[in-house]
Amino acid sequence: MLGFIFSIRSGVVIAPVVAVICWRGIGARTLTLAAAGLLVLVVPAIYLSEPFRNLGGFDSNYAIDLIWAHWAAVAAVVLLAVALVRTLAAARAAVRGGAARH
């Protein structure tokens, strides 16, 4: 699904990464902290490392020069989505467990 949202080529990477996250049982807190690190540290570092070339607003390579910031943001969104699914699954299991006791 996330490969459909972002691109097929990213889906080729997203699917195995999400599978490893689920297999290893990485928690929502760890995933959220990793996403925060990407968004707070990595993305700004990429933007600051690239020289700003405006060329009068006609620089068509600007987006290509900053493509790694885009991929870091995609990784952060995927990590946040997996953290959300894990949190909702845990909450649902807790509700079902509580309902079964009554």
C-alpha atoms as a PDB file:
ATOM      1  CA  MET A   1       0.000   0.000   0.000  1.00  0.00           C
ATOM      2  CA  LEU A   2       2.745   2.473   0.905  1.00  0.00           C
ATOM      3  CA  GLY A   3       4.573   1.571  -2.289  1.00  0.00           C
ATOM      4  CA  PHE A   4       1.434   2.593  -4.171  1.00  0.00           C
ATOM      5  CA  ILE A   5       1.291   5.906  -2.303  1.00  0.00           C
ATOM      6  CA  PHE A   6       4.926   6.901  -2.810  1.00  0.00           C
ATOM      7  CA  SER A   7       6.149   4.892  -5.820  1.00  0.00           C
ATOM      8  CA  ILE A   8       6.698   1.351  -6.939  1.00  0.00           C
ATOM      9  CA  ARG A   9      10.470   1.718  -6.597  1.00  0.00           C
ATOM     10  CA  SER A  10      10.083   2.826  -2.983  1.00  0.00           C
ATOM     11  CA  GLY A  11       7.667  -0.036  -2.381  1.00  0.00           C
ATOM     12  CA  VAL A  12      10.445  -2.460  -3.269  1.00  0.00           C
ATOM     13  CA  VAL A  13      12.384  -1.065  -0.300  1.00  0.00           C
ATOM     14  CA  ILE A  14       9.441  -0.338   2.012  1.00  0.00           C
ATOM     15  CA  ALA A  15       8.013  -3.870   1.996  1.00  0.00           C
ATOM     16  CA  PRO A  16      11.153  -5.660   3.243  1.00  0.00           C
ATOM     17  CA  VAL A  17      11.880  -2.914   5.790  1.00  0.00           C
ATOM     18  CA  VAL A  18       8.361  -3.129   7.228  1.00  0.00           C
ATOM     19  CA  ALA A  19       8.655  -6.933   7.252  1.00  0.00           C
ATOM     20  CA  VAL A  20      11.892  -6.715   9.259  1.00  0.00           C
ATOM     21  CA  ILE A  21      10.314  -4.193  11.653  1.00  0.00           C
ATOM     22  CA  CYS A  22       7.388  -6.550  12.259  1.00  0.00           C
ATOM     23  CA  TRP A  23       9.637  -9.607  12.496  1.00  0.00           C
ATOM     24  CA  ARG A  24      11.943  -7.974  15.038  1.00  0.00           C
ATOM     25  CA  GLY A  25       9.002  -6.553  16.994  1.00  0.00           C
ATOM     26  CA  ILE A  26      10.276  -2.990  17.063  1.00  0.00           C
ATOM     27  CA  GLY A  27       7.933  -0.912  19.202  1.00  0.00           C
ATOM     28  CA  ALA A  28       5.994   2.192  18.319  1.00  0.00           C
ATOM     29  CA  ARG A  29       8.099   4.390  20.590  1.00  0.00           C
ATOM     30  CA  THR A  30      11.339   3.348  18.880  1.00  0.00           C
ATOM     31  CA  LEU A  31       9.804   3.861  15.447  1.00  0.00           C
ATOM     32  CA  THR A  32       8.511   7.298  16.435  1.00  0.00           C
ATOM     33  CA  LEU A  33      11.911   8.337  17.797  1.00  0.00           C
ATOM     34  CA  ALA A  34      13.605   7.145  14.611  1.00  0.00           C
ATOM     35  CA  ALA A  35      11.119   9.136  12.507  1.00  0.00           C
ATOM     36  CA  ALA A  36      11.666  12.200  14.694  1.00  0.00           C
ATOM     37  CA  GLY A  37      15.418  11.853  14.257  1.00  0.00           C
ATOM     38  CA  LEU A  38      15.007  11.722  10.500  1.00  0.00           C
ATOM     39  CA  LEU A  39      12.722  14.757  10.423  1.00  0.00           C
ATOM     40  CA  VAL A  40      14.575  16.864  12.982  1.00  0.00           C
ATOM     41  CA  LEU A  41      18.185  16.012  12.145  1.00  0.00           C
ATOM     42  CA  VAL A  42      18.603  14.335   8.769  1.00  0.00           C
ATOM     43  CA  VAL A  43      16.232  16.330   6.555  1.00  0.00           C
ATOM     44  CA  PRO A  44      17.505  19.761   7.723  1.00  0.00           C
ATOM     45  CA  ALA A  45      21.102  18.533   7.442  1.00  0.00           C
ATOM     46  CA  ILE A  46      20.512  17.556   3.823  1.00  0.00           C
ATOM     47  CA  TYR A  47      18.953  20.933   3.043  1.00  0.00           C
ATOM     48  CA  LEU A  48      21.807  22.772   4.738  1.00  0.00           C
ATOM     49  CA  SER A  49      24.477  20.698   3.002  1.00  0.00           C
ATOM     50  CA  GLU A  50      23.242  21.610  -0.469  1.00  0.00           C
ATOM     51  CA  PRO A  51      24.198  25.002  -1.845  1.00  0.00           C
ATOM     52  CA  PHE A  52      21.227  27.209  -2.623  1.00  0.00           C
ATOM     53  CA  ARG A  53      21.132  27.979  -6.313  1.00  0.00           C
ATOM     54  CA  ASN A  54      18.064  29.835  -7.416  1.00  0.00           C
ATOM     55  CA  LEU A  55      18.956  30.837 -10.978  1.00  0.00           C
ATOM     56  CA  GLY A  56      16.099  33.327 -10.959  1.00  0.00           C
ATOM     57  CA  GLY A  57      13.560  30.680 -10.018  1.00  0.00           C
ATOM     58  CA  PHE A  58      14.264  28.587 -13.116  1.00  0.00           C
ATOM     59  CA  ASP A  59      16.480  25.881 -11.625  1.00  0.00           C
ATOM     60  CA  SER A  60      14.772  22.658 -12.665  1.00  0.00           C
ATOM     61  CA  ASN A  61      17.480  20.588 -10.953  1.00  0.00           C
ATOM     62  CA  TYR A  62      16.645  21.986  -7.511  1.00  0.00           C
ATOM     63  CA  ALA A  63      14.304  19.094  -6.706  1.00  0.00           C
ATOM     64  CA  ILE A  64      16.809  16.541  -7.988  1.00  0.00           C
ATOM     65  CA  ASP A  65      19.567  18.062  -5.865  1.00  0.00           C
ATOM     66  CA  LEU A  66      17.415  17.609  -2.763  1.00  0.00           C
ATOM     67  CA  ILE A  67      15.977  14.167  -3.564  1.00  0.00           C
ATOM     68  CA  TRP A  68      17.663  12.598  -0.514  1.00  0.00           C
ATOM     69  CA  ALA A  69      15.687  14.914   1.763  1.00  0.00           C
ATOM     70  CA  HIS A  70      12.548  13.619   0.074  1.00  0.00           C
ATOM     71  CA  TRP A  71      13.555   9.986   0.643  1.00  0.00           C
ATOM     72  CA  ALA A  72      14.405  10.683   4.299  1.00  0.00           C
ATOM     73  CA  ALA A  73      10.967  12.250   4.742  1.00  0.00           C
ATOM     74  CA  VAL A  74       9.335   9.243   3.041  1.00  0.00           C
ATOM     75  CA  ALA A  75      11.188   6.935   5.439  1.00  0.00           C
ATOM     76  CA  ALA A  76       9.951   9.005   8.384  1.00  0.00           C
ATOM     77  CA  VAL A  77       6.345   8.872   7.150  1.00  0.00           C
ATOM     78  CA  VAL A  78       6.589   5.090   6.710  1.00  0.00           C
ATOM     79  CA  LEU A  79       8.009   4.687  10.221  1.00  0.00           C
ATOM     80  CA  LEU A  80       5.205   6.844  11.635  1.00  0.00           C
ATOM     81  CA  ALA A  81       2.591   4.836   9.733  1.00  0.00           C
ATOM     82  CA  VAL A  82       3.963   1.551  11.081  1.00  0.00           C
ATOM     83  CA  ALA A  83       4.079   3.031  14.602  1.00  0.00           C
ATOM     84  CA  LEU A  84       0.435   4.101  14.241  1.00  0.00           C
ATOM     85  CA  VAL A  85      -0.645   0.643  13.086  1.00  0.00           C
ATOM     86  CA  ARG A  86       1.246  -1.008  15.960  1.00  0.00           C
ATOM     87  CA  THR A  87      -0.321   1.386  18.490  1.00  0.00           C
ATOM     88  CA  LEU A  88      -3.824   0.855  17.155  1.00  0.00           C
ATOM     89  CA  ALA A  89      -3.350  -2.922  17.085  1.00  0.00           C
ATOM     90  CA  ALA A  90      -2.195  -2.904  20.708  1.00  0.00           C
ATOM     91  CA  ALA A  91      -5.144  -0.728  21.747  1.00  0.00           C
ATOM     92  CA  ARG A  92      -7.563  -2.976  19.907  1.00  0.00           C
ATOM     93  CA  ALA A  93      -6.074  -6.075  21.555  1.00  0.00           C
ATOM     94  CA  ALA A  94      -6.378  -4.399  24.965  1.00  0.00           C
ATOM     95  CA  VAL A  95     -10.039  -3.583  24.359  1.00  0.00           C
ATOM     96  CA  ARG A  96     -10.771  -7.108  23.179  1.00  0.00           C
ATOM     97  CA  GLY A  97      -8.918  -8.568  26.157  1.00  0.00           C
ATOM     98  CA  GLY A  98     -10.876  -6.379  28.548  1.00  0.00           C
ATOM     99  CA  ALA A  99     -14.181  -7.276  26.920  1.00  0.00           C
ATOM    100  CA  ALA A 100     -13.434 -10.991  27.161  1.00  0.00           C
ATOM    101  CA  ARG A 101     -12.914 -10.712  30.932  1.00  0.00           C
ATOM    102  CA  HIS A 102     -16.371  -9.276  31.558  1.00  0.00           C
END
